[in-house]
Amino acid sequence: MSEEGLKKRKISTKQKEEEPQDSKDSKDSRNTASSNVNEPEFDIDSAALLQYLKILWIPLLLSFGIFIYVNPSTLTDIASFWIGTTDEWRPSAPETFTADVKKKEAVVEAFKHAWRAYERDAMGDDEYHPISQKGTNLTDAGGIGYTVIDSIDSMLIMGLHDDYARAREWVATKLSFDQDASFNTFETTIRVLGGLLSAYELSGHDKIYLDRAIELADRILPAFDTPSGLPLPSINLGKKVGIPDLDIPYLVSTAEVSTLQLEFRYLSYLTGADVYWETVERVMQTIKENRRPHALASIFMHVETGQFFPSAIRLGSRGDSYYEYLLKQYIQTNQTEDVYRQMYDAAMASVQQHLISHSPYTRMTYTSELLPEQHEDGRISWRKVPKQDHLVCFFGGSLMLGATITGASSSVSIPPQQAEFLENGERDWHTGTELIRTCVDTHDTLTGLSPEIAYFRIPSDGSMAMFHKSGVPSDWYIKGASPGEEAPYDARYILRPETVESLFIAYRLTGDIRYRQWGWQIFQSIETHCKVETGGYASIMNVDEVPSRKEDKMETFLMSETLKYLYLLFDDASVLPLDKYVFNTEAHPLPIFTPHIQTGFSWT
């Protein structure tokens, strides 16, 4: 693999137009040669031919030597491919972690282009539609400022003081949670409660944010009033009543119920109110008591019994942040709650055994899904599917971070040395670095952006012929994305942050400049293909189509996550250091602290 990581397939229109004639000429030559195989027309002096070949070897060897001199990583990459080694232990050039001011400022300009368009057209609305230049709310009753609150800490981090002042004024004078409507419990917690708590921390403890966070948390708590303690998926904030999913009334998403803990625990720490901590910790206790022997979590749980419901096991949607928060809960309380370390280590061992896969040709590392299949005798078996959501791309950075915490006997250096890791740490560090490479390689599209879902080829596909014929990547593809046909949902890029999140973490842990290089390439692709000239950024319908077709929606996580992680990737490493802060799943940084509360579950 090249140092840049991306095996570019981006071919200019001009090049495409020129290729057919060259290809035709080549093909004609090959056909002519083939047709004359049995009809030699010339006598060949074999001795002279041998002499010419000897002469040709000299410039060929010189060219090869120059190439290796200029690209020293190529030789080791080839060796790594064939003998199974990697370069994560290769010493890096010393890195000072100073800010790349030019690139950092470019990200700030992108944030301003997004935020100021939203402020102009839709201030206070939950969502923004940049093409039609209007906002919408998540309910008919009104919104709760999803975009505003999700963006405030980014403004504080980027030093956008005037924009921040106007956003704070809106929170102080216009924000209302007294809405007689249904809001998603999980999204409201990670985006709004998390955003308020992060704004409180980064603003120097501005009381307006803590007061609003307390009010919101009190309105969310009734969602947890179930026999198992697992929260219902929605909450009526005005009536303070939990609401089940009408389509699956007894089921809740595992990721959603287990990704509320950082926010409520920090609020408990700030206020001294144990109810916030105990409520979300009961969820974790229920999960632990009902875990399967393999320690992996199905994506649905039964809200009455607290048991796992036979459903897919994956690191993508409805499963992802369960694993993320096992590690982050251990980090948040200064590594004092060993139960989360134990749960995390057990889960990672099982992930490595059952979900980590390797493609057959270029040996890309990716995560598979396990789908349950029930037989007539009642027995359940599991079918492995080579499918990876873009959401999974958080996992590479998470594994690397976890390796330095639960996989090391003491603190590790930057970059870490192999001898500093325990066996599980070395395993997870290696897998994490390889997963990041894979996620970067799924940006090998005409736009340079990654699809929502990638499928990986397996030997039984017999699909190498397709690769040679079409020129698509040999080991992965977008399902149903045939040339000339309407692109499926899988082909979209909706401004997701997961790859750049991992790049940020990996850079902070290693100082390896390639992570910045990859992040910059992704940022440039967003600028080229997602930017709306009148303001804002839009999702695109097909990452393999140029010019891109835009969808009229700008996700709130563009400003809260994608641009924030890109900014921090290029900023000085002293800003929000990983040993002082833990980021919630919406990229809202919360401080690491030693807890004041001692509960039976956490301290067993």
Foldseek 3Di string as FASTA:
>chain_A
DALLLAPAPADDPVRVVPPVVVVVVVVVVVVVCVVCVPPDDDDDDVVVVVVVVVVVVVVVVVVVVVVCVVGVVVVVLVVCQVPVDDCPQPADDDFQLAFPVVLLVVLVVQLCLFVVLCCVAEQQAQFFFNVVSHGHHPDPQGHQRLLLLLFLLLCLLSVVVVSNVVSVVCLQPPGDLQGQDKDFLQSCQQRRLLSLQLCCVSVVRDPSSLVVSVLQLQLSLQQLPAQQSQGAGIGRSNVSHHDHDPVCRFKDFPLRSQQNQVRLQVSCQVPVDCVSNVSSVSLVVLCVVQADPQLFAAGMAGRHNSHGDQFKTWCDPSRPCNLVVLVVVCLQQPNPQCVSLVSNLSNLVSQVVPFWDFFDPSGQIDGWMWGWDADPVRDIDTDTFQKDFLRNLLQLLSLQVVLQPSFFPDHADAQGHPVRGHPSSNVSNVSSVRSLSVSQHCLNANLSDHFRMKGFDHPVVPCQVVCVVPVDDNTIDQPPPDPPDQFDNRQKDQLDANSLNSLLSVCLNHVRCSSLSSLSSNVVSQVQAFDDVVGHGFIFRGSRDPNTHGDRTHDSLNSSHRSSSNSSSSHRCVSLHPSFWDARPSRSTDGRHNGPDDDPNRND
